[in-house]
Amino acid sequence: MALETKIYQKENNSSFRAMLTESLNDIWKSRFLSRQLAERDIKAQYRQSYLGIIWAFITPLATAAVWIFLNLSGTVKVTDTGVPYPVYAFSGTLLWSIIREAINSPTTSTNSARGIMSKINFPKEALIISGIYKLLFNSSFKVLLLLIFVFIFGIGFHWSLLLLPFAILGALLFGTTIGLILTPLSMLYNDVGKIVGMGFSFLMYVTPVVYAIPKSGVMKTIMEWNPLTPVILTSRDLITGTTPEYLTYYFIVLGLSLPLFIFALLSYRVSIPIIVERSA
């Protein structure tokens, strides 16, 4: 049987539509590879771990537990959140961990496959899709634990919980878009990853993760303009059955994320093979 011959050549960067079509075709053709890469990474992640998937909950649980303790002890006075504070704190830290993992995923997936990319020519989009598969897998367990919290603290079932999966997908889209934009820079300069890590430690405290937006002041303005705020608050409102207050801003953020995702995906497609070739 004659083998298929495929010729790789320099892409016509002037045709945005052609690049997008080829990228989408490669995503479809490499769907099996994407799933295999995701399964390999998930198994490797938990193979030698006694606690396994529980590690995905430990960080948000520990962070939430610290703030719950500080609030109960009176060390830190948190303004009224309108819902039981343990649900507020845990939902915020868990949603924050999902977004942060989505931002780190493209860089992590690409760096882990750097050796393969220098030897085998395959659609680089498979790395992004495999990262999304891993995000969906990890996020599903986190959301399940969050729903348990909702019932334990008496909030119970309400219709907005049915919309929560769409909010989580929106958070993953937002995070993955930022991650795709940062990945080429992170692969060129290791300092970028360290700066992003430090930046997120600061961003958590200007985002309503563990405390509500102040009634007035500079911090109120910063938190309201922060694009992470509507993503966190809208998802939390759906969890707790509260009417989303920042729904318009949330749709604006998602509306901008989609074209930025496409632009970042095409930039990734063009830049990553060049970066890998030069660093080989």
C-alpha atoms as a PDB file:
ATOM      1  CA  MET A   1       0.000   0.000   0.000  1.00  0.00           C
ATOM      2  CA  ALA A   2       1.371   3.373  -1.011  1.00  0.00           C
ATOM      3  CA  LEU A   3       2.220   5.651   1.867  1.00  0.00           C
ATOM      4  CA  GLU A   4       0.854   9.169   1.955  1.00  0.00           C
ATOM      5  CA  THR A   5       3.427  11.850   1.240  1.00  0.00           C
ATOM      6  CA  LYS A   6       2.938  15.188   2.936  1.00  0.00           C
ATOM      7  CA  ILE A   7       5.132  18.158   2.108  1.00  0.00           C
ATOM      8  CA  TYR A   8       5.703  20.770   4.814  1.00  0.00           C
ATOM      9  CA  GLN A   9       6.547  24.213   3.594  1.00  0.00           C
ATOM     10  CA  LYS A  10       6.538  27.771   4.796  1.00  0.00           C
ATOM     11  CA  GLU A  11       2.991  28.918   5.394  1.00  0.00           C
ATOM     12  CA  ASN A  12       1.525  31.934   3.698  1.00  0.00           C
ATOM     13  CA  ASN A  13       1.318  34.239   6.710  1.00  0.00           C
ATOM     14  CA  SER A  14      -0.473  36.897   4.681  1.00  0.00           C
ATOM     15  CA  SER A  15      -3.640  34.802   4.436  1.00  0.00           C
ATOM     16  CA  PHE A  16      -5.344  34.780   7.823  1.00  0.00           C
ATOM     17  CA  ARG A  17      -8.261  32.743   6.535  1.00  0.00           C
ATOM     18  CA  ALA A  18      -6.013  30.058   5.023  1.00  0.00           C
ATOM     19  CA  MET A  19      -4.008  29.760   8.240  1.00  0.00           C
ATOM     20  CA  LEU A  20      -7.172  29.480  10.320  1.00  0.00           C
ATOM     21  CA  THR A  21      -8.599  26.798   8.018  1.00  0.00           C
ATOM     22  CA  GLU A  22      -5.375  24.784   8.146  1.00  0.00           C
ATOM     23  CA  SER A  23      -5.198  25.140  11.922  1.00  0.00           C
ATOM     24  CA  LEU A  24      -8.781  23.899  12.375  1.00  0.00           C
ATOM     25  CA  ASN A  25      -8.122  21.002   9.971  1.00  0.00           C
ATOM     26  CA  ASP A  26      -5.018  20.034  11.948  1.00  0.00           C
ATOM     27  CA  ILE A  27      -6.983  20.161  15.197  1.00  0.00           C
ATOM     28  CA  TRP A  28      -9.554  17.778  13.736  1.00  0.00           C
ATOM     29  CA  LYS A  29      -6.977  15.419  12.211  1.00  0.00           C
ATOM     30  CA  SER A  30      -4.914  15.280  15.413  1.00  0.00           C
ATOM     31  CA  ARG A  31      -7.844  14.661  17.788  1.00  0.00           C
ATOM     32  CA  PHE A  32      -6.645  11.096  18.498  1.00  0.00           C
ATOM     33  CA  LEU A  33      -3.113  12.334  19.225  1.00  0.00           C
ATOM     34  CA  SER A  34      -4.519  15.032  21.507  1.00  0.00           C
ATOM     35  CA  ARG A  35      -6.460  12.469  23.508  1.00  0.00           C
ATOM     36  CA  GLN A  36      -3.448  10.151  23.748  1.00  0.00           C
ATOM     37  CA  LEU A  37      -1.224  12.983  24.988  1.00  0.00           C
ATOM     38  CA  ALA A  38      -3.829  13.980  27.565  1.00  0.00           C
ATOM     39  CA  GLU A  39      -4.219  10.417  28.829  1.00  0.00           C
ATOM     40  CA  ARG A  40      -0.447  10.020  29.062  1.00  0.00           C
ATOM     41  CA  ASP A  41      -0.011  13.232  31.047  1.00  0.00           C
ATOM     42  CA  ILE A  42      -2.941  12.519  33.389  1.00  0.00           C
ATOM     43  CA  LYS A  43      -1.634   9.033  34.174  1.00  0.00           C
ATOM     44  CA  ALA A  44       1.903  10.355  34.680  1.00  0.00           C
ATOM     45  CA  GLN A  45       0.592  13.119  36.933  1.00  0.00           C
ATOM     46  CA  TYR A  46      -1.020  10.716  39.396  1.00  0.00           C
ATOM     47  CA  ARG A  47       0.867   7.439  38.790  1.00  0.00           C
ATOM     48  CA  GLN A  48       3.302   7.745  41.713  1.00  0.00           C
ATOM     49  CA  SER A  49       1.009   9.749  43.980  1.00  0.00           C
ATOM     50  CA  TYR A  50      -0.719   8.038  46.891  1.00  0.00           C
ATOM     51  CA  LEU A  51      -3.394  10.746  47.171  1.00  0.00           C
ATOM     52  CA  GLY A  52      -3.862  10.970  43.400  1.00  0.00           C
ATOM     53  CA  ILE A  53      -6.558  13.395  42.251  1.00  0.00           C
ATOM     54  CA  ILE A  54      -6.972  14.695  45.808  1.00  0.00           C
ATOM     55  CA  TRP A  55      -3.917  16.881  45.225  1.00  0.00           C
ATOM     56  CA  ALA A  56      -6.039  18.936  42.830  1.00  0.00           C
ATOM     57  CA  PHE A  57      -8.163  20.003  45.831  1.00  0.00           C
ATOM     58  CA  ILE A  58      -5.477  20.487  48.462  1.00  0.00           C
ATOM     59  CA  THR A  59      -4.234  23.932  47.387  1.00  0.00           C
ATOM     60  CA  PRO A  60      -7.662  25.635  47.089  1.00  0.00           C
ATOM     61  CA  LEU A  61      -8.848  23.856  50.233  1.00  0.00           C
ATOM     62  CA  ALA A  62      -5.767  24.952  52.192  1.00  0.00           C
ATOM     63  CA  THR A  63      -6.047  28.556  50.984  1.00  0.00           C
ATOM     64  CA  ALA A  64      -9.748  28.696  51.784  1.00  0.00           C
ATOM     65  CA  ALA A  65      -9.163  27.087  55.198  1.00  0.00           C
ATOM     66  CA  VAL A  66      -6.616  29.770  56.109  1.00  0.00           C
ATOM     67  CA  TRP A  67      -9.027  32.592  55.257  1.00  0.00           C
ATOM     68  CA  ILE A  68     -11.943  30.872  57.004  1.00  0.00           C
ATOM     69  CA  PHE A  69      -9.811  30.507  60.148  1.00  0.00           C
ATOM     70  CA  LEU A  70      -8.650  34.138  60.005  1.00  0.00           C
ATOM     71  CA  ASN A  71     -12.247  35.291  59.577  1.00  0.00           C
ATOM     72  CA  LEU A  72     -13.635  33.123  62.391  1.00  0.00           C
ATOM     73  CA  SER A  73     -10.825  34.121  64.766  1.00  0.00           C
ATOM     74  CA  GLY A  74     -11.374  37.810  64.065  1.00  0.00           C
ATOM     75  CA  THR A  75      -7.790  38.283  62.870  1.00  0.00           C
ATOM     76  CA  VAL A  76      -9.097  39.468  59.497  1.00  0.00           C
ATOM     77  CA  LYS A  77     -12.497  41.120  59.285  1.00  0.00           C
ATOM     78  CA  VAL A  78     -14.234  40.187  56.032  1.00  0.00           C
ATOM     79  CA  THR A  79     -17.258  42.186  54.907  1.00  0.00           C
ATOM     80  CA  ASP A  80     -20.600  40.437  54.478  1.00  0.00           C
ATOM     81  CA  THR A  81     -20.563  38.228  51.392  1.00  0.00           C
ATOM     82  CA  GLY A  82     -24.274  37.376  51.313  1.00  0.00           C
ATOM     83  CA  VAL A  83     -23.585  33.622  51.419  1.00  0.00           C
ATOM     84  CA  PRO A  84     -21.926  31.339  53.999  1.00  0.00           C
ATOM     85  CA  TYR A  85     -18.292  32.430  54.063  1.00  0.00           C
ATOM     86  CA  PRO A  86     -16.846  28.890  53.723  1.00  0.00           C
ATOM     87  CA  VAL A  87     -18.749  28.530  50.424  1.00  0.00           C
ATOM     88  CA  TYR A  88     -17.645  32.008  49.335  1.00  0.00           C
ATOM     89  CA  ALA A  89     -13.966  31.407  50.138  1.00  0.00           C
ATOM     90  CA  PHE A  90     -13.772  27.874  48.788  1.00  0.00           C
ATOM     91  CA  SER A  91     -15.658  28.672  45.568  1.00  0.00           C
ATOM     92  CA  GLY A  92     -13.370  31.645  44.977  1.00  0.00           C
ATOM     93  CA  THR A  93     -10.123  29.763  45.561  1.00  0.00           C
ATOM     94  CA  LEU A  94     -11.293  26.803  43.518  1.00  0.00           C
ATOM     95  CA  LEU A  95     -12.366  28.972  40.576  1.00  0.00           C
ATOM     96  CA  TRP A  96      -9.075  30.843  40.881  1.00  0.00           C
ATOM     97  CA  SER A  97      -7.150  27.555  40.707  1.00  0.00           C
ATOM     98  CA  ILE A  98      -9.066  26.561  37.553  1.00  0.00           C
ATOM     99  CA  ILE A  99      -8.224  29.857  35.828  1.00  0.00           C
ATOM    100  CA  ARG A 100      -4.609  29.731  36.918  1.00  0.00           C
ATOM    101  CA  GLU A 101      -4.237  26.144  35.723  1.00  0.00           C
ATOM    102  CA  ALA A 102      -5.770  27.152  32.376  1.00  0.00           C
ATOM    103  CA  ILE A 103      -3.227  29.961  32.029  1.00  0.00           C
ATOM    104  CA  ASN A 104      -0.298  27.671  32.834  1.00  0.00           C
ATOM    105  CA  SER A 105      -1.554  24.760  30.702  1.00  0.00           C
ATOM    106  CA  PRO A 106      -0.338  25.844  27.206  1.00  0.00           C
ATOM    107  CA  THR A 107       3.175  26.565  28.476  1.00  0.00           C
ATOM    108  CA  THR A 108       3.327  23.346  30.508  1.00  0.00           C
ATOM    109  CA  SER A 109       2.069  21.185  27.613  1.00  0.00           C
ATOM    110  CA  THR A 110       4.460  22.807  25.146  1.00  0.00           C
ATOM    111  CA  ASN A 111       7.524  22.582  27.365  1.00  0.00           C
ATOM    112  CA  SER A 112       6.841  18.934  28.172  1.00  0.00           C
ATOM    113  CA  ALA A 113       6.751  18.125  24.438  1.00  0.00           C
ATOM    114  CA  ARG A 114       9.782  20.208  23.452  1.00  0.00           C
ATOM    115  CA  GLY A 115      11.930  17.101  22.913  1.00  0.00           C
ATOM    116  CA  ILE A 116       9.279  15.435  20.749  1.00  0.00           C
ATOM    117  CA  MET A 117       8.769  18.550  18.636  1.00  0.00           C
ATOM    118  CA  SER A 118      12.475  18.727  17.793  1.00  0.00           C
ATOM    119  CA  LYS A 119      12.337  15.182  16.339  1.00  0.00           C
ATOM    120  CA  ILE A 120       8.804  14.694  14.973  1.00  0.00           C
ATOM    121  CA  ASN A 121       6.725  17.042  12.856  1.00  0.00           C
ATOM    122  CA  PHE A 122       3.118  16.980  14.052  1.00  0.00           C
ATOM    123  CA  PRO A 123       0.346  19.590  14.442  1.00  0.00           C
ATOM    124  CA  LYS A 124       1.318  21.722  17.427  1.00  0.00           C
ATOM    125  CA  GLU A 125      -2.355  22.441  18.078  1.00  0.00           C
ATOM    126  CA  ALA A 126      -2.582  18.899  19.470  1.00  0.00           C
ATOM    127  CA  LEU A 127      -0.658  20.115  22.518  1.00  0.00           C
ATOM    128  CA  ILE A 128      -3.226  22.842  23.189  1.00  0.00           C
ATOM    129  CA  ILE A 129      -6.196  20.505  22.792  1.00  0.00           C
ATOM    130  CA  SER A 130      -4.567  17.891  25.030  1.00  0.00           C
ATOM    131  CA  GLY A 131      -4.086  20.602  27.643  1.00  0.00           C
ATOM    132  CA  ILE A 132      -7.780  21.485  27.402  1.00  0.00           C
ATOM    133  CA  TYR A 133      -8.683  17.813  27.888  1.00  0.00           C
ATOM    134  CA  LYS A 134      -6.588  17.761  31.065  1.00  0.00           C
ATOM    135  CA  LEU A 135      -8.218  20.971  32.281  1.00  0.00           C
ATOM    136  CA  LEU A 136     -11.694  19.518  31.744  1.00  0.00           C
ATOM    137  CA  PHE A 137     -10.716  16.346  33.609  1.00  0.00           C
ATOM    138  CA  ASN A 138      -9.266  18.172  36.616  1.00  0.00           C
ATOM    139  CA  SER A 139     -11.992  20.830  36.668  1.00  0.00           C
ATOM    140  CA  SER A 140     -14.778  18.234  36.706  1.00  0.00           C
ATOM    141  CA  PHE A 141     -13.559  16.859  40.039  1.00  0.00           C
ATOM    142  CA  LYS A 142     -13.159  20.334  41.497  1.00  0.00           C
ATOM    143  CA  VAL A 143     -16.689  21.322  40.482  1.00  0.00           C
ATOM    144  CA  LEU A 144     -18.048  18.101  41.986  1.00  0.00           C
ATOM    145  CA  LEU A 145     -16.407  18.909  45.323  1.00  0.00           C
ATOM    146  CA  LEU A 146     -17.736  22.452  45.109  1.00  0.00           C
ATOM    147  CA  LEU A 147     -21.290  21.167  44.623  1.00  0.00           C
ATOM    148  CA  ILE A 148     -20.857  19.032  47.742  1.00  0.00           C
ATOM    149  CA  PHE A 149     -19.937  22.198  49.658  1.00  0.00           C
ATOM    150  CA  VAL A 150     -23.055  23.924  48.339  1.00  0.00           C
ATOM    151  CA  PHE A 151     -25.319  21.208  49.725  1.00  0.00           C
ATOM    152  CA  ILE A 152     -23.417  20.826  53.008  1.00  0.00           C
ATOM    153  CA  PHE A 153     -23.851  24.522  53.837  1.00  0.00           C
ATOM    154  CA  GLY A 154     -27.555  24.546  53.057  1.00  0.00           C
ATOM    155  CA  ILE A 155     -27.702  26.381  49.738  1.00  0.00           C
ATOM    156  CA  GLY A 156     -29.070  23.341  47.939  1.00  0.00           C
ATOM    157  CA  PHE A 157     -30.130  22.915  44.336  1.00  0.00           C
ATOM    158  CA  HIS A 158     -31.262  25.838  42.173  1.00  0.00           C
ATOM    159  CA  TRP A 159     -31.704  26.238  38.434  1.00  0.00           C
ATOM    160  CA  SER A 160     -28.583  28.384  37.922  1.00  0.00           C
ATOM    161  CA  LEU A 161     -26.419  25.369  38.804  1.00  0.00           C
ATOM    162  CA  LEU A 162     -27.354  23.993  35.373  1.00  0.00           C
ATOM    163  CA  LEU A 163     -25.507  26.941  33.823  1.00  0.00           C
ATOM    164  CA  LEU A 164     -22.340  26.360  35.865  1.00  0.00           C
ATOM    165  CA  PRO A 165     -20.651  24.124  33.225  1.00  0.00           C
ATOM    166  CA  PHE A 166     -20.924  26.961  30.696  1.00  0.00           C
ATOM    167  CA  ALA A 167     -19.377  29.385  33.188  1.00  0.00           C
ATOM    168  CA  ILE A 168     -16.499  26.953  33.788  1.00  0.00           C
ATOM    169  CA  LEU A 169     -15.962  26.643  30.030  1.00  0.00           C
ATOM    170  CA  GLY A 170     -15.870  30.436  29.856  1.00  0.00           C
ATOM    171  CA  ALA A 171     -13.238  30.530  32.586  1.00  0.00           C
ATOM    172  CA  LEU A 172     -11.193  27.903  30.729  1.00  0.00           C
ATOM    173  CA  LEU A 173     -11.448  29.890  27.484  1.00  0.00           C
ATOM    174  CA  PHE A 174     -10.322  33.073  29.222  1.00  0.00           C
ATOM    175  CA  GLY A 175      -7.408  31.373  30.981  1.00  0.00           C
ATOM    176  CA  THR A 176      -6.260  29.378  27.966  1.00  0.00           C
ATOM    177  CA  THR A 177      -6.285  32.516  25.818  1.00  0.00           C
ATOM    178  CA  ILE A 178      -3.975  34.337  28.218  1.00  0.00           C
ATOM    179  CA  GLY A 179      -1.790  31.246  28.439  1.00  0.00           C
ATOM    180  CA  LEU A 180      -1.500  30.976  24.658  1.00  0.00           C
ATOM    181  CA  ILE A 181      -0.419  34.604  24.429  1.00  0.00           C
ATOM    182  CA  LEU A 182       2.243  34.097  27.106  1.00  0.00           C
ATOM    183  CA  THR A 183       3.571  30.707  25.930  1.00  0.00           C
ATOM    184  CA  PRO A 184       5.983  31.898  23.178  1.00  0.00           C
ATOM    185  CA  LEU A 185       7.440  34.496  25.551  1.00  0.00           C
ATOM    186  CA  SER A 186       7.723  31.940  28.354  1.00  0.00           C
ATOM    187  CA  MET A 187       9.632  29.559  26.084  1.00  0.00           C
ATOM    188  CA  LEU A 188      12.021  32.306  25.017  1.00  0.00           C
ATOM    189  CA  TYR A 189      12.578  33.810  28.458  1.00  0.00           C
ATOM    190  CA  ASN A 190      12.305  31.814  31.685  1.00  0.00           C
ATOM    191  CA  ASP A 191      11.829  35.064  33.581  1.00  0.00           C
ATOM    192  CA  VAL A 192       8.347  35.420  32.080  1.00  0.00           C
ATOM    193  CA  GLY A 193       7.076  32.349  33.941  1.00  0.00           C
ATOM    194  CA  LYS A 194       8.451  33.662  37.231  1.00  0.00           C
ATOM    195  CA  ILE A 195       6.935  37.091  36.651  1.00  0.00           C
ATOM    196  CA  VAL A 196       3.550  35.515  35.861  1.00  0.00           C
ATOM    197  CA  GLY A 197       3.705  33.470  39.061  1.00  0.00           C
ATOM    198  CA  MET A 198       4.501  36.546  41.147  1.00  0.00           C
ATOM    199  CA  GLY A 199       1.861  38.558  39.319  1.00  0.00           C
ATOM    200  CA  PHE A 200      -0.861  36.054  40.096  1.00  0.00           C
ATOM    201  CA  SER A 201       0.024  36.105  43.773  1.00  0.00           C
ATOM    202  CA  PHE A 202      -0.722  39.834  43.672  1.00  0.00           C
ATOM    203  CA  LEU A 203      -3.754  39.573  41.360  1.00  0.00           C
ATOM    204  CA  MET A 204      -5.535  37.252  43.764  1.00  0.00           C
ATOM    205  CA  TYR A 205      -5.815  40.120  46.259  1.00  0.00           C
ATOM    206  CA  VAL A 206      -7.281  42.560  43.729  1.00  0.00           C
ATOM    207  CA  THR A 207      -9.861  39.975  42.637  1.00  0.00           C
ATOM    208  CA  PRO A 208     -12.908  39.022  44.781  1.00  0.00           C
ATOM    209  CA  VAL A 209     -11.594  35.541  45.504  1.00  0.00           C
ATOM    210  CA  VAL A 210     -11.713  35.453  49.311  1.00  0.00           C
ATOM    211  CA  TYR A 211     -13.409  38.773  50.095  1.00  0.00           C
ATOM    212  CA  ALA A 212     -16.056  40.948  48.501  1.00  0.00           C
ATOM    213  CA  ILE A 213     -15.487  44.148  46.536  1.00  0.00           C
ATOM    214  CA  PRO A 214     -15.253  47.117  48.936  1.00  0.00           C
ATOM    215  CA  LYS A 215     -18.081  49.656  48.963  1.00  0.00           C
ATOM    216  CA  SER A 216     -15.766  52.531  48.072  1.00  0.00           C
ATOM    217  CA  GLY A 217     -12.144  53.514  47.537  1.00  0.00           C
ATOM    218  CA  VAL A 218      -9.364  52.843  45.058  1.00  0.00           C
ATOM    219  CA  MET A 219      -9.528  49.090  45.633  1.00  0.00           C
ATOM    220  CA  LYS A 220     -13.189  49.090  44.589  1.00  0.00           C
ATOM    221  CA  THR A 221     -12.278  50.714  41.261  1.00  0.00           C
ATOM    222  CA  ILE A 222      -9.350  48.348  40.636  1.00  0.00           C
ATOM    223  CA  MET A 223     -11.393  45.245  41.407  1.00  0.00           C
ATOM    224  CA  GLU A 224     -14.341  46.346  39.265  1.00  0.00           C
ATOM    225  CA  TRP A 225     -12.101  46.988  36.241  1.00  0.00           C
ATOM    226  CA  ASN A 226     -10.151  43.758  36.741  1.00  0.00           C
ATOM    227  CA  PRO A 227     -11.239  41.392  33.884  1.00  0.00           C
ATOM    228  CA  LEU A 228     -10.878  38.429  36.231  1.00  0.00           C
ATOM    229  CA  THR A 229     -13.588  39.857  38.503  1.00  0.00           C
ATOM    230  CA  PRO A 230     -16.636  39.099  36.296  1.00  0.00           C
ATOM    231  CA  VAL A 231     -15.319  35.607  35.546  1.00  0.00           C
ATOM    232  CA  ILE A 232     -15.025  34.780  39.261  1.00  0.00           C
ATOM    233  CA  LEU A 233     -18.173  36.572  40.403  1.00  0.00           C
ATOM    234  CA  THR A 234     -20.500  35.307  37.661  1.00  0.00           C
ATOM    235  CA  SER A 235     -19.412  31.707  38.224  1.00  0.00           C
ATOM    236  CA  ARG A 236     -19.839  32.102  41.979  1.00  0.00           C
ATOM    237  CA  ASP A 237     -23.269  33.714  41.558  1.00  0.00           C
ATOM    238  CA  LEU A 238     -24.399  30.708  39.517  1.00  0.00           C
ATOM    239  CA  ILE A 239     -23.083  28.412  42.237  1.00  0.00           C
ATOM    240  CA  THR A 240     -24.853  30.211  45.077  1.00  0.00           C
ATOM    241  CA  GLY A 241     -28.070  31.063  43.210  1.00  0.00           C
ATOM    242  CA  THR A 242     -27.444  34.821  43.338  1.00  0.00           C
ATOM    243  CA  THR A 243     -28.422  37.115  40.464  1.00  0.00           C
ATOM    244  CA  PRO A 244     -25.205  37.829  38.485  1.00  0.00           C
ATOM    245  CA  GLU A 245     -24.261  41.476  39.028  1.00  0.00           C
ATOM    246  CA  TYR A 246     -21.474  41.675  36.447  1.00  0.00           C
ATOM    247  CA  LEU A 247     -23.125  39.646  33.693  1.00  0.00           C
ATOM    248  CA  THR A 248     -22.674  42.327  30.997  1.00  0.00           C
ATOM    249  CA  TYR A 249     -18.978  42.720  31.783  1.00  0.00           C
ATOM    250  CA  TYR A 250     -18.680  38.916  31.830  1.00  0.00           C
ATOM    251  CA  PHE A 251     -20.047  38.618  28.280  1.00  0.00           C
ATOM    252  CA  ILE A 252     -17.754  41.435  27.133  1.00  0.00           C
ATOM    253  CA  VAL A 253     -14.730  39.578  28.523  1.00  0.00           C
ATOM    254  CA  LEU A 254     -15.800  36.316  26.862  1.00  0.00           C
ATOM    255  CA  GLY A 255     -16.641  38.137  23.628  1.00  0.00           C
ATOM    256  CA  LEU A 256     -13.104  39.527  23.492  1.00  0.00           C
ATOM    257  CA  SER A 257     -11.559  36.209  24.555  1.00  0.00           C
ATOM    258  CA  LEU A 258     -12.803  34.302  21.493  1.00  0.00           C
ATOM    259  CA  PRO A 259     -11.100  36.421  18.773  1.00  0.00           C
ATOM    260  CA  LEU A 260      -8.027  36.751  20.996  1.00  0.00           C
ATOM    261  CA  PHE A 261      -7.958  32.961  21.327  1.00  0.00           C
ATOM    262  CA  ILE A 262      -7.999  32.557  17.537  1.00  0.00           C
ATOM    263  CA  PHE A 263      -5.247  35.165  17.134  1.00  0.00           C
ATOM    264  CA  ALA A 264      -3.159  33.557  19.900  1.00  0.00           C
ATOM    265  CA  LEU A 265      -3.665  30.079  18.405  1.00  0.00           C
ATOM    266  CA  LEU A 266      -2.381  31.207  15.001  1.00  0.00           C
ATOM    267  CA  SER A 267       0.532  33.051  16.618  1.00  0.00           C
ATOM    268  CA  TYR A 268       1.336  29.860  18.506  1.00  0.00           C
ATOM    269  CA  ARG A 269       1.180  27.850  15.277  1.00  0.00           C
ATOM    270  CA  VAL A 270       3.708  30.145  13.599  1.00  0.00           C
ATOM    271  CA  SER A 271       6.070  30.903  16.480  1.00  0.00           C
ATOM    272  CA  ILE A 272       6.475  27.608  18.354  1.00  0.00           C
ATOM    273  CA  PRO A 273       8.162  25.630  15.507  1.00  0.00           C
ATOM    274  CA  ILE A 274      10.614  28.515  15.042  1.00  0.00           C
ATOM    275  CA  ILE A 275      11.392  28.713  18.783  1.00  0.00           C
ATOM    276  CA  VAL A 276      11.885  24.940  19.032  1.00  0.00           C
ATOM    277  CA  GLU A 277      14.121  24.881  15.951  1.00  0.00           C
ATOM    278  CA  ARG A 278      16.326  27.683  17.232  1.00  0.00           C
ATOM    279  CA  SER A 279      16.652  26.185  20.714  1.00  0.00           C
ATOM    280  CA  ALA A 280      17.396  22.659  19.456  1.00  0.00           C
END
